[in-house]
Amino acid sequence: MSERTNAAIAAIDILIQRLPLLPATPDRERVIEETDALRRAVAAFHMEAIRFRMYSVDRLIRATGDEATARQAFESVRREVEAVGFHTRSHAAPGA
């Protein structure tokens, strides 16, 4: 982890705290695992893994009902990760 990624890691940590509040489903367990993997990818500056994990976490949050606080926390993660310069979507660069 570096100074550049501190805010992104902090946002991911907030998301991780909110995920256990989602409905108890197999998707909830998967989104928790994927978010942990996203945290590791951001800490490692692994661009491809970040993009893949962001897609997976986004999809799994939707699959668990797209609960508002989880969605807000995820969008905060997206903003912070993109602010560091990571691309989180395969179809467009940050700010595009």
PDB file of N, CA and C in Angstrom:
ATOM      1  N   MET A   1       0.850  -1.174   0.000  1.00  0.00           N
ATOM      2  CA  MET A   1       0.000   0.000   0.000  1.00  0.00           C
ATOM      3  C   MET A   1       0.895   1.237   0.000  1.00  0.00           C
ATOM      4  N   SER A   2       0.431   2.266  -0.696  1.00  0.00           N
ATOM      5  CA  SER A   2       1.199   3.503  -0.747  1.00  0.00           C
ATOM      6  C   SER A   2       0.310   4.670  -0.344  1.00  0.00           C
ATOM      7  N   GLU A   3       0.925   5.819  -0.198  1.00  0.00           N
ATOM      8  CA  GLU A   3       0.170   7.024   0.139  1.00  0.00           C
ATOM      9  C   GLU A   3      -0.910   7.296  -0.906  1.00  0.00           C
ATOM     10  N   ARG A   4      -0.616   6.999  -2.166  1.00  0.00           N
ATOM     11  CA  ARG A   4      -1.579   7.254  -3.248  1.00  0.00           C
ATOM     12  C   ARG A   4      -2.843   6.426  -3.101  1.00  0.00           C
ATOM     13  N   THR A   5      -2.738   5.252  -2.522  1.00  0.00           N
ATOM     14  CA  THR A   5      -3.899   4.361  -2.464  1.00  0.00           C
ATOM     15  C   THR A   5      -4.614   4.391  -1.117  1.00  0.00           C
ATOM     16  N   ASN A   6      -4.131   5.174  -0.171  1.00  0.00           N
ATOM     17  CA  ASN A   6      -4.739   5.182   1.171  1.00  0.00           C
ATOM     18  C   ASN A   6      -6.239   5.464   1.148  1.00  0.00           C
ATOM     19  N   ALA A   7      -6.681   6.473   0.395  1.00  0.00           N
ATOM     20  CA  ALA A   7      -8.106   6.813   0.362  1.00  0.00           C
ATOM     21  C   ALA A   7      -8.917   5.697  -0.280  1.00  0.00           C
ATOM     22  N   ALA A   8      -8.373   5.080  -1.331  1.00  0.00           N
ATOM     23  CA  ALA A   8      -9.082   3.978  -1.984  1.00  0.00           C
ATOM     24  C   ALA A   8      -9.200   2.784  -1.037  1.00  0.00           C
ATOM     25  N   ILE A   9      -8.143   2.464  -0.336  1.00  0.00           N
ATOM     26  CA  ILE A   9      -8.170   1.351   0.631  1.00  0.00           C
ATOM     27  C   ILE A   9      -9.162   1.657   1.750  1.00  0.00           C
ATOM     28  N   ALA A  10      -9.181   2.895   2.214  1.00  0.00           N
ATOM     29  CA  ALA A  10     -10.128   3.275   3.274  1.00  0.00           C
ATOM     30  C   ALA A  10     -11.571   3.124   2.785  1.00  0.00           C
ATOM     31  N   ALA A  11     -11.841   3.518   1.541  1.00  0.00           N
ATOM     32  CA  ALA A  11     -13.190   3.370   0.986  1.00  0.00           C
ATOM     33  C   ALA A  11     -13.565   1.897   0.861  1.00  0.00           C
ATOM     34  N   ILE A  12     -12.622   1.072   0.457  1.00  0.00           N
ATOM     35  CA  ILE A  12     -12.878  -0.374   0.367  1.00  0.00           C
ATOM     36  C   ILE A  12     -13.165  -0.938   1.752  1.00  0.00           C
ATOM     37  N   ASP A  13     -12.429  -0.489   2.748  1.00  0.00           N
ATOM     38  CA  ASP A  13     -12.664  -0.966   4.119  1.00  0.00           C
ATOM     39  C   ASP A  13     -14.074  -0.620   4.602  1.00  0.00           C
ATOM     40  N   ILE A  14     -14.569   0.552   4.232  1.00  0.00           N
ATOM     41  CA  ILE A  14     -15.945   0.925   4.587  1.00  0.00           C
ATOM     42  C   ILE A  14     -16.936   0.001   3.890  1.00  0.00           C
ATOM     43  N   LEU A  15     -16.694  -0.267   2.611  1.00  0.00           N
ATOM     44  CA  LEU A  15     -17.561  -1.194   1.879  1.00  0.00           C
ATOM     45  C   LEU A  15     -17.546  -2.575   2.532  1.00  0.00           C
ATOM     46  N   ILE A  16     -16.381  -3.055   2.895  1.00  0.00           N
ATOM     47  CA  ILE A  16     -16.253  -4.375   3.533  1.00  0.00           C
ATOM     48  C   ILE A  16     -17.080  -4.424   4.825  1.00  0.00           C
ATOM     49  N   GLN A  17     -17.123  -3.335   5.567  1.00  0.00           N
ATOM     50  CA  GLN A  17     -17.908  -3.296   6.808  1.00  0.00           C
ATOM     51  C   GLN A  17     -19.407  -3.362   6.539  1.00  0.00           C
ATOM     52  N   ARG A  18     -19.843  -2.866   5.389  1.00  0.00           N
ATOM     53  CA  ARG A  18     -21.280  -2.841   5.075  1.00  0.00           C
ATOM     54  C   ARG A  18     -21.776  -4.149   4.462  1.00  0.00           C
ATOM     55  N   LEU A  19     -20.917  -4.907   3.840  1.00  0.00           N
ATOM     56  CA  LEU A  19     -21.341  -6.107   3.123  1.00  0.00           C
ATOM     57  C   LEU A  19     -22.006  -7.168   3.996  1.00  0.00           C
ATOM     58  N   PRO A  20     -21.569  -7.403   5.220  1.00  0.00           N
ATOM     59  CA  PRO A  20     -22.263  -8.404   6.040  1.00  0.00           C
ATOM     60  C   PRO A  20     -23.722  -8.044   6.343  1.00  0.00           C
ATOM     61  N   LEU A  21     -24.118  -6.796   6.095  1.00  0.00           N
ATOM     62  CA  LEU A  21     -25.497  -6.372   6.328  1.00  0.00           C
ATOM     63  C   LEU A  21     -26.420  -6.740   5.162  1.00  0.00           C
ATOM     64  N   LEU A  22     -25.840  -7.190   4.047  1.00  0.00           N
ATOM     65  CA  LEU A  22     -26.651  -7.615   2.911  1.00  0.00           C
ATOM     66  C   LEU A  22     -27.405  -8.890   3.269  1.00  0.00           C
ATOM     67  N   PRO A  23     -28.491  -9.196   2.542  1.00  0.00           N
ATOM     68  CA  PRO A  23     -29.231 -10.442   2.810  1.00  0.00           C
ATOM     69  C   PRO A  23     -28.299 -11.652   2.741  1.00  0.00           C
ATOM     70  N   ALA A  24     -28.523 -12.599   3.636  1.00  0.00           N
ATOM     71  CA  ALA A  24     -27.679 -13.801   3.713  1.00  0.00           C
ATOM     72  C   ALA A  24     -27.954 -14.703   2.511  1.00  0.00           C
ATOM     73  N   THR A  25     -27.094 -14.611   1.519  1.00  0.00           N
ATOM     74  CA  THR A  25     -27.194 -15.435   0.317  1.00  0.00           C
ATOM     75  C   THR A  25     -25.794 -15.886  -0.072  1.00  0.00           C
ATOM     76  N   PRO A  26     -25.695 -16.876  -0.961  1.00  0.00           N
ATOM     77  CA  PRO A  26     -24.359 -17.238  -1.464  1.00  0.00           C
ATOM     78  C   PRO A  26     -23.668 -16.065  -2.155  1.00  0.00           C
ATOM     79  N   ASP A  27     -24.454 -15.186  -2.798  1.00  0.00           N
ATOM     80  CA  ASP A  27     -23.849 -14.015  -3.449  1.00  0.00           C
ATOM     81  C   ASP A  27     -23.218 -13.074  -2.435  1.00  0.00           C
ATOM     82  N   ARG A  28     -23.787 -12.977  -1.231  1.00  0.00           N
ATOM     83  CA  ARG A  28     -23.189 -12.113  -0.208  1.00  0.00           C
ATOM     84  C   ARG A  28     -21.796 -12.626   0.145  1.00  0.00           C
ATOM     85  N   GLU A  29     -21.657 -13.905   0.319  1.00  0.00           N
ATOM     86  CA  GLU A  29     -20.338 -14.459   0.644  1.00  0.00           C
ATOM     87  C   GLU A  29     -19.352 -14.217  -0.498  1.00  0.00           C
ATOM     88  N   ARG A  30     -19.824 -14.344  -1.731  1.00  0.00           N
ATOM     89  CA  ARG A  30     -18.958 -14.118  -2.894  1.00  0.00           C
ATOM     90  C   ARG A  30     -18.537 -12.656  -2.990  1.00  0.00           C
ATOM     91  N   VAL A  31     -19.474 -11.728  -2.728  1.00  0.00           N
ATOM     92  CA  VAL A  31     -19.120 -10.307  -2.830  1.00  0.00           C
ATOM     93  C   VAL A  31     -18.117  -9.930  -1.745  1.00  0.00           C
ATOM     94  N   ILE A  32     -18.227 -10.528  -0.577  1.00  0.00           N
ATOM     95  CA  ILE A  32     -17.241 -10.275   0.480  1.00  0.00           C
ATOM     96  C   ILE A  32     -15.862 -10.769   0.037  1.00  0.00           C
ATOM     97  N   GLU A  33     -15.802 -11.966  -0.525  1.00  0.00           N
ATOM     98  CA  GLU A  33     -14.527 -12.509  -1.012  1.00  0.00           C
ATOM     99  C   GLU A  33     -13.948 -11.656  -2.140  1.00  0.00           C
ATOM    100  N   GLU A  34     -14.798 -11.244  -3.082  1.00  0.00           N
ATOM    101  CA  GLU A  34     -14.335 -10.418  -4.201  1.00  0.00           C
ATOM    102  C   GLU A  34     -13.850  -9.049  -3.729  1.00  0.00           C
ATOM    103  N   THR A  35     -14.511  -8.489  -2.731  1.00  0.00           N
ATOM    104  CA  THR A  35     -14.101  -7.184  -2.219  1.00  0.00           C
ATOM    105  C   THR A  35     -12.767  -7.297  -1.484  1.00  0.00           C
ATOM    106  N   ASP A  36     -12.560  -8.381  -0.770  1.00  0.00           N
ATOM    107  CA  ASP A  36     -11.248  -8.619  -0.150  1.00  0.00           C
ATOM    108  C   ASP A  36     -10.168  -8.712  -1.231  1.00  0.00           C
ATOM    109  N   ALA A  37     -10.478  -9.408  -2.326  1.00  0.00           N
ATOM    110  CA  ALA A  37      -9.527  -9.524  -3.435  1.00  0.00           C
ATOM    111  C   ALA A  37      -9.292  -8.172  -4.101  1.00  0.00           C
ATOM    112  N   LEU A  38     -10.332  -7.349  -4.201  1.00  0.00           N
ATOM    113  CA  LEU A  38     -10.182  -5.997  -4.743  1.00  0.00           C
ATOM    114  C   LEU A  38      -9.230  -5.182  -3.875  1.00  0.00           C
ATOM    115  N   ARG A  39      -9.368  -5.303  -2.577  1.00  0.00           N
ATOM    116  CA  ARG A  39      -8.489  -4.569  -1.665  1.00  0.00           C
ATOM    117  C   ARG A  39      -7.028  -4.956  -1.908  1.00  0.00           C
ATOM    118  N   ARG A  40      -6.787  -6.251  -2.048  1.00  0.00           N
ATOM    119  CA  ARG A  40      -5.418  -6.719  -2.316  1.00  0.00           C
ATOM    120  C   ARG A  40      -4.912  -6.203  -3.660  1.00  0.00           C
ATOM    121  N   ALA A  41      -5.788  -6.173  -4.669  1.00  0.00           N
ATOM    122  CA  ALA A  41      -5.388  -5.700  -5.996  1.00  0.00           C
ATOM    123  C   ALA A  41      -5.020  -4.220  -5.969  1.00  0.00           C
ATOM    124  N   VAL A  42      -5.797  -3.417  -5.261  1.00  0.00           N
ATOM    125  CA  VAL A  42      -5.488  -1.989  -5.157  1.00  0.00           C
ATOM    126  C   VAL A  42      -4.170  -1.803  -4.414  1.00  0.00           C
ATOM    127  N   ALA A  43      -3.988  -2.524  -3.338  1.00  0.00           N
ATOM    128  CA  ALA A  43      -2.740  -2.410  -2.569  1.00  0.00           C
ATOM    129  C   ALA A  43      -1.530  -2.799  -3.404  1.00  0.00           C
ATOM    130  N   ALA A  44      -1.732  -3.725  -4.345  1.00  0.00           N
ATOM    131  CA  ALA A  44      -0.633  -4.198  -5.197  1.00  0.00           C
ATOM    132  C   ALA A  44      -0.497  -3.391  -6.496  1.00  0.00           C
ATOM    133  N   PHE A  45      -1.381  -2.403  -6.720  1.00  0.00           N
ATOM    134  CA  PHE A  45      -1.384  -1.629  -7.969  1.00  0.00           C
ATOM    135  C   PHE A  45      -1.531  -2.536  -9.187  1.00  0.00           C
ATOM    136  N   HIS A  46      -2.383  -3.515  -9.123  1.00  0.00           N
ATOM    137  CA  HIS A  46      -2.558  -4.485 -10.210  1.00  0.00           C
ATOM    138  C   HIS A  46      -3.764  -4.074 -11.055  1.00  0.00           C
ATOM    139  N   MET A  47      -3.514  -3.340 -12.128  1.00  0.00           N
ATOM    140  CA  MET A  47      -4.572  -2.731 -12.934  1.00  0.00           C
ATOM    141  C   MET A  47      -5.591  -3.735 -13.455  1.00  0.00           C
ATOM    142  N   GLU A  48      -5.139  -4.801 -14.045  1.00  0.00           N
ATOM    143  CA  GLU A  48      -6.066  -5.781 -14.611  1.00  0.00           C
ATOM    144  C   GLU A  48      -6.941  -6.407 -13.530  1.00  0.00           C
ATOM    145  N   ALA A  49      -6.343  -6.735 -12.402  1.00  0.00           N
ATOM    146  CA  ALA A  49      -7.103  -7.325 -11.299  1.00  0.00           C
ATOM    147  C   ALA A  49      -8.097  -6.321 -10.735  1.00  0.00           C
ATOM    148  N   ILE A  50      -7.720  -5.052 -10.660  1.00  0.00           N
ATOM    149  CA  ILE A  50      -8.638  -4.018 -10.147  1.00  0.00           C
ATOM    150  C   ILE A  50      -9.865  -3.928 -11.036  1.00  0.00           C
ATOM    151  N   ARG A  51      -9.671  -3.849 -12.330  1.00  0.00           N
ATOM    152  CA  ARG A  51     -10.797  -3.740 -13.256  1.00  0.00           C
ATOM    153  C   ARG A  51     -11.707  -4.971 -13.155  1.00  0.00           C
ATOM    154  N   PHE A  52     -11.119  -6.145 -13.117  1.00  0.00           N
ATOM    155  CA  PHE A  52     -11.897  -7.380 -13.004  1.00  0.00           C
ATOM    156  C   PHE A  52     -12.663  -7.436 -11.688  1.00  0.00           C
ATOM    157  N   ARG A  53     -12.000  -7.112 -10.583  1.00  0.00           N
ATOM    158  CA  ARG A  53     -12.651  -7.172  -9.265  1.00  0.00           C
ATOM    159  C   ARG A  53     -13.735  -6.109  -9.136  1.00  0.00           C
ATOM    160  N   MET A  54     -13.510  -4.924  -9.684  1.00  0.00           N
ATOM    161  CA  MET A  54     -14.547  -3.886  -9.634  1.00  0.00           C
ATOM    162  C   MET A  54     -15.798  -4.365 -10.373  1.00  0.00           C
ATOM    163  N   TYR A  55     -15.601  -4.968 -11.535  1.00  0.00           N
ATOM    164  CA  TYR A  55     -16.738  -5.496 -12.287  1.00  0.00           C
ATOM    165  C   TYR A  55     -17.463  -6.564 -11.464  1.00  0.00           C
ATOM    166  N   SER A  56     -16.715  -7.473 -10.861  1.00  0.00           N
ATOM    167  CA  SER A  56     -17.309  -8.567 -10.097  1.00  0.00           C
ATOM    168  C   SER A  56     -18.069  -8.059  -8.874  1.00  0.00           C
ATOM    169  N   VAL A  57     -17.475  -7.136  -8.130  1.00  0.00           N
ATOM    170  CA  VAL A  57     -18.133  -6.602  -6.936  1.00  0.00           C
ATOM    171  C   VAL A  57     -19.405  -5.853  -7.340  1.00  0.00           C
ATOM    172  N   ASP A  58     -19.337  -5.056  -8.381  1.00  0.00           N
ATOM    173  CA  ASP A  58     -20.506  -4.330  -8.870  1.00  0.00           C
ATOM    174  C   ASP A  58     -21.630  -5.310  -9.225  1.00  0.00           C
ATOM    175  N   ARG A  59     -21.307  -6.337  -9.981  1.00  0.00           N
ATOM    176  CA  ARG A  59     -22.301  -7.335 -10.400  1.00  0.00           C
ATOM    177  C   ARG A  59     -22.900  -8.060  -9.209  1.00  0.00           C
ATOM    178  N   LEU A  60     -22.078  -8.417  -8.241  1.00  0.00           N
ATOM    179  CA  LEU A  60     -22.571  -9.149  -7.073  1.00  0.00           C
ATOM    180  C   LEU A  60     -23.406  -8.273  -6.149  1.00  0.00           C
ATOM    181  N   ILE A  61     -23.083  -7.004  -6.039  1.00  0.00           N
ATOM    182  CA  ILE A  61     -23.936  -6.102  -5.255  1.00  0.00           C
ATOM    183  C   ILE A  61     -25.314  -6.026  -5.902  1.00  0.00           C
ATOM    184  N   ARG A  62     -25.345  -5.949  -7.223  1.00  0.00           N
ATOM    185  CA  ARG A  62     -26.638  -5.958  -7.924  1.00  0.00           C
ATOM    186  C   ARG A  62     -27.383  -7.265  -7.654  1.00  0.00           C
ATOM    187  N   ALA A  63     -26.664  -8.385  -7.674  1.00  0.00           N
ATOM    188  CA  ALA A  63     -27.282  -9.694  -7.479  1.00  0.00           C
ATOM    189  C   ALA A  63     -27.860  -9.867  -6.080  1.00  0.00           C
ATOM    190  N   THR A  64     -27.322  -9.135  -5.108  1.00  0.00           N
ATOM    191  CA  THR A  64     -27.833  -9.244  -3.739  1.00  0.00           C
ATOM    192  C   THR A  64     -28.958  -8.249  -3.469  1.00  0.00           C
ATOM    193  N   GLY A  65     -29.413  -7.538  -4.488  1.00  0.00           N
ATOM    194  CA  GLY A  65     -30.540  -6.627  -4.319  1.00  0.00           C
ATOM    195  C   GLY A  65     -30.185  -5.163  -4.467  1.00  0.00           C
ATOM    196  N   ASP A  66     -28.919  -4.874  -4.740  1.00  0.00           N
ATOM    197  CA  ASP A  66     -28.464  -3.496  -4.954  1.00  0.00           C
ATOM    198  C   ASP A  66     -28.869  -2.575  -3.803  1.00  0.00           C
ATOM    199  N   GLU A  67     -28.643  -3.039  -2.590  1.00  0.00           N
ATOM    200  CA  GLU A  67     -28.982  -2.296  -1.374  1.00  0.00           C
ATOM    201  C   GLU A  67     -28.284  -0.930  -1.395  1.00  0.00           C
ATOM    202  N   ALA A  68     -28.997   0.111  -1.001  1.00  0.00           N
ATOM    203  CA  ALA A  68     -28.550   1.500  -1.170  1.00  0.00           C
ATOM    204  C   ALA A  68     -27.228   1.809  -0.477  1.00  0.00           C
ATOM    205  N   THR A  69     -27.030   1.389   0.769  1.00  0.00           N
ATOM    206  CA  THR A  69     -25.779   1.753   1.451  1.00  0.00           C
ATOM    207  C   THR A  69     -24.592   1.010   0.850  1.00  0.00           C
ATOM    208  N   ALA A  70     -24.801  -0.229   0.421  1.00  0.00           N
ATOM    209  CA  ALA A  70     -23.717  -0.967  -0.245  1.00  0.00           C
ATOM    210  C   ALA A  70     -23.403  -0.309  -1.582  1.00  0.00           C
ATOM    211  N   ARG A  71     -24.425   0.099  -2.319  1.00  0.00           N
ATOM    212  CA  ARG A  71     -24.210   0.759  -3.621  1.00  0.00           C
ATOM    213  C   ARG A  71     -23.464   2.075  -3.424  1.00  0.00           C
ATOM    214  N   GLN A  72     -23.862   2.869  -2.442  1.00  0.00           N
ATOM    215  CA  GLN A  72     -23.177   4.142  -2.183  1.00  0.00           C
ATOM    216  C   GLN A  72     -21.722   3.906  -1.800  1.00  0.00           C
ATOM    217  N   ALA A  73     -21.472   2.913  -0.972  1.00  0.00           N
ATOM    218  CA  ALA A  73     -20.099   2.606  -0.564  1.00  0.00           C
ATOM    219  C   ALA A  73     -19.286   2.145  -1.766  1.00  0.00           C
ATOM    220  N   PHE A  74     -19.896   1.341  -2.638  1.00  0.00           N
ATOM    221  CA  PHE A  74     -19.185   0.886  -3.838  1.00  0.00           C
ATOM    222  C   PHE A  74     -18.852   2.056  -4.752  1.00  0.00           C
ATOM    223  N   GLU A  75     -19.796   2.960  -4.952  1.00  0.00           N
ATOM    224  CA  GLU A  75     -19.538   4.118  -5.817  1.00  0.00           C
ATOM    225  C   GLU A  75     -18.454   5.017  -5.220  1.00  0.00           C
ATOM    226  N   SER A  76     -18.369   5.080  -3.906  1.00  0.00           N
ATOM    227  CA  SER A  76     -17.275   5.804  -3.255  1.00  0.00           C
ATOM    228  C   SER A  76     -15.946   5.129  -3.555  1.00  0.00           C
ATOM    229  N   VAL A  77     -15.940   3.800  -3.499  1.00  0.00           N
ATOM    230  CA  VAL A  77     -14.729   3.042  -3.860  1.00  0.00           C
ATOM    231  C   VAL A  77     -14.348   3.373  -5.295  1.00  0.00           C
ATOM    232  N   ARG A  78     -15.322   3.337  -6.205  1.00  0.00           N
ATOM    233  CA  ARG A  78     -15.027   3.621  -7.615  1.00  0.00           C
ATOM    234  C   ARG A  78     -14.384   5.004  -7.770  1.00  0.00           C
ATOM    235  N   ARG A  79     -14.955   6.027  -7.117  1.00  0.00           N
ATOM    236  CA  ARG A  79     -14.396   7.383  -7.209  1.00  0.00           C
ATOM    237  C   ARG A  79     -12.955   7.426  -6.704  1.00  0.00           C
ATOM    238  N   GLU A  80     -12.714   6.799  -5.557  1.00  0.00           N
ATOM    239  CA  GLU A  80     -11.367   6.845  -4.980  1.00  0.00           C
ATOM    240  C   GLU A  80     -10.360   6.062  -5.811  1.00  0.00           C
ATOM    241  N   VAL A  81     -10.768   4.918  -6.321  1.00  0.00           N
ATOM    242  CA  VAL A  81      -9.873   4.107  -7.143  1.00  0.00           C
ATOM    243  C   VAL A  81      -9.558   4.839  -8.448  1.00  0.00           C
ATOM    244  N   GLU A  82     -10.563   5.461  -9.043  1.00  0.00           N
ATOM    245  CA  GLU A  82     -10.324   6.220 -10.269  1.00  0.00           C
ATOM    246  C   GLU A  82      -9.495   7.475 -10.005  1.00  0.00           C
ATOM    247  N   ALA A  83      -9.635   8.076  -8.826  1.00  0.00           N
ATOM    248  CA  ALA A  83      -8.843   9.260  -8.482  1.00  0.00           C
ATOM    249  C   ALA A  83      -7.355   8.941  -8.420  1.00  0.00           C
ATOM    250  N   VAL A  84      -7.032   7.706  -8.080  1.00  0.00           N
ATOM    251  CA  VAL A  84      -5.630   7.279  -8.041  1.00  0.00           C
ATOM    252  C   VAL A  84      -5.103   7.089  -9.466  1.00  0.00           C
ATOM    253  N   GLY A  85      -6.019   6.917 -10.431  1.00  0.00           N
ATOM    254  CA  GLY A  85      -5.609   6.742 -11.815  1.00  0.00           C
ATOM    255  C   GLY A  85      -5.897   5.363 -12.365  1.00  0.00           C
ATOM    256  N   PHE A  86      -6.546   4.521 -11.581  1.00  0.00           N
ATOM    257  CA  PHE A  86      -6.894   3.190 -12.060  1.00  0.00           C
ATOM    258  C   PHE A  86      -8.154   3.250 -12.907  1.00  0.00           C
ATOM    259  N   HIS A  87      -8.187   2.489 -13.960  1.00  0.00           N
ATOM    260  CA  HIS A  87      -9.382   2.358 -14.770  1.00  0.00           C
ATOM    261  C   HIS A  87     -10.240   1.267 -14.143  1.00  0.00           C
ATOM    262  N   THR A  88     -11.511   1.562 -13.917  1.00  0.00           N
ATOM    263  CA  THR A  88     -12.373   0.573 -13.266  1.00  0.00           C
ATOM    264  C   THR A  88     -13.393  -0.019 -14.224  1.00  0.00           C
ATOM    265  N   ARG A  89     -13.433   0.485 -15.429  1.00  0.00           N
ATOM    266  CA  ARG A  89     -14.380  -0.031 -16.427  1.00  0.00           C
ATOM    267  C   ARG A  89     -13.608  -0.309 -17.703  1.00  0.00           C
ATOM    268  N   SER A  90     -13.888  -1.415 -18.336  1.00  0.00           N
ATOM    269  CA  SER A  90     -13.146  -1.771 -19.524  1.00  0.00           C
ATOM    270  C   SER A  90     -13.544  -0.931 -20.726  1.00  0.00           C
ATOM    271  N   HIS A  91     -14.724  -0.287 -20.688  1.00  0.00           N
ATOM    272  CA  HIS A  91     -15.203   0.466 -21.841  1.00  0.00           C
ATOM    273  C   HIS A  91     -14.820   1.949 -21.840  1.00  0.00           C
ATOM    274  N   ALA A  92     -14.343   2.472 -20.729  1.00  0.00           N
ATOM    275  CA  ALA A  92     -14.026   3.907 -20.690  1.00  0.00           C
ATOM    276  C   ALA A  92     -13.001   4.182 -19.609  1.00  0.00           C
ATOM    277  N   ALA A  93     -12.147   5.115 -19.882  1.00  0.00           N
ATOM    278  CA  ALA A  93     -11.166   5.550 -18.890  1.00  0.00           C
ATOM    279  C   ALA A  93     -11.848   6.465 -17.887  1.00  0.00           C
ATOM    280  N   PRO A  94     -11.251   6.659 -16.708  1.00  0.00           N
ATOM    281  CA  PRO A  94     -11.840   7.564 -15.712  1.00  0.00           C
ATOM    282  C   PRO A  94     -12.082   8.940 -16.317  1.00  0.00           C
ATOM    283  N   GLY A  95     -13.237   9.500 -16.012  1.00  0.00           N
ATOM    284  CA  GLY A  95     -13.567  10.822 -16.482  1.00  0.00           C
ATOM    285  C   GLY A  95     -14.068  10.871 -17.914  1.00  0.00           C
ATOM    286  N   ALA A  96     -14.080   9.713 -18.574  1.00  0.00           N
ATOM    287  CA  ALA A  96     -14.522   9.689 -19.982  1.00  0.00           C
ATOM    288  C   ALA A  96     -16.000   9.435 -20.077  1.00  0.00           C
TER     289      ALA A  96
END
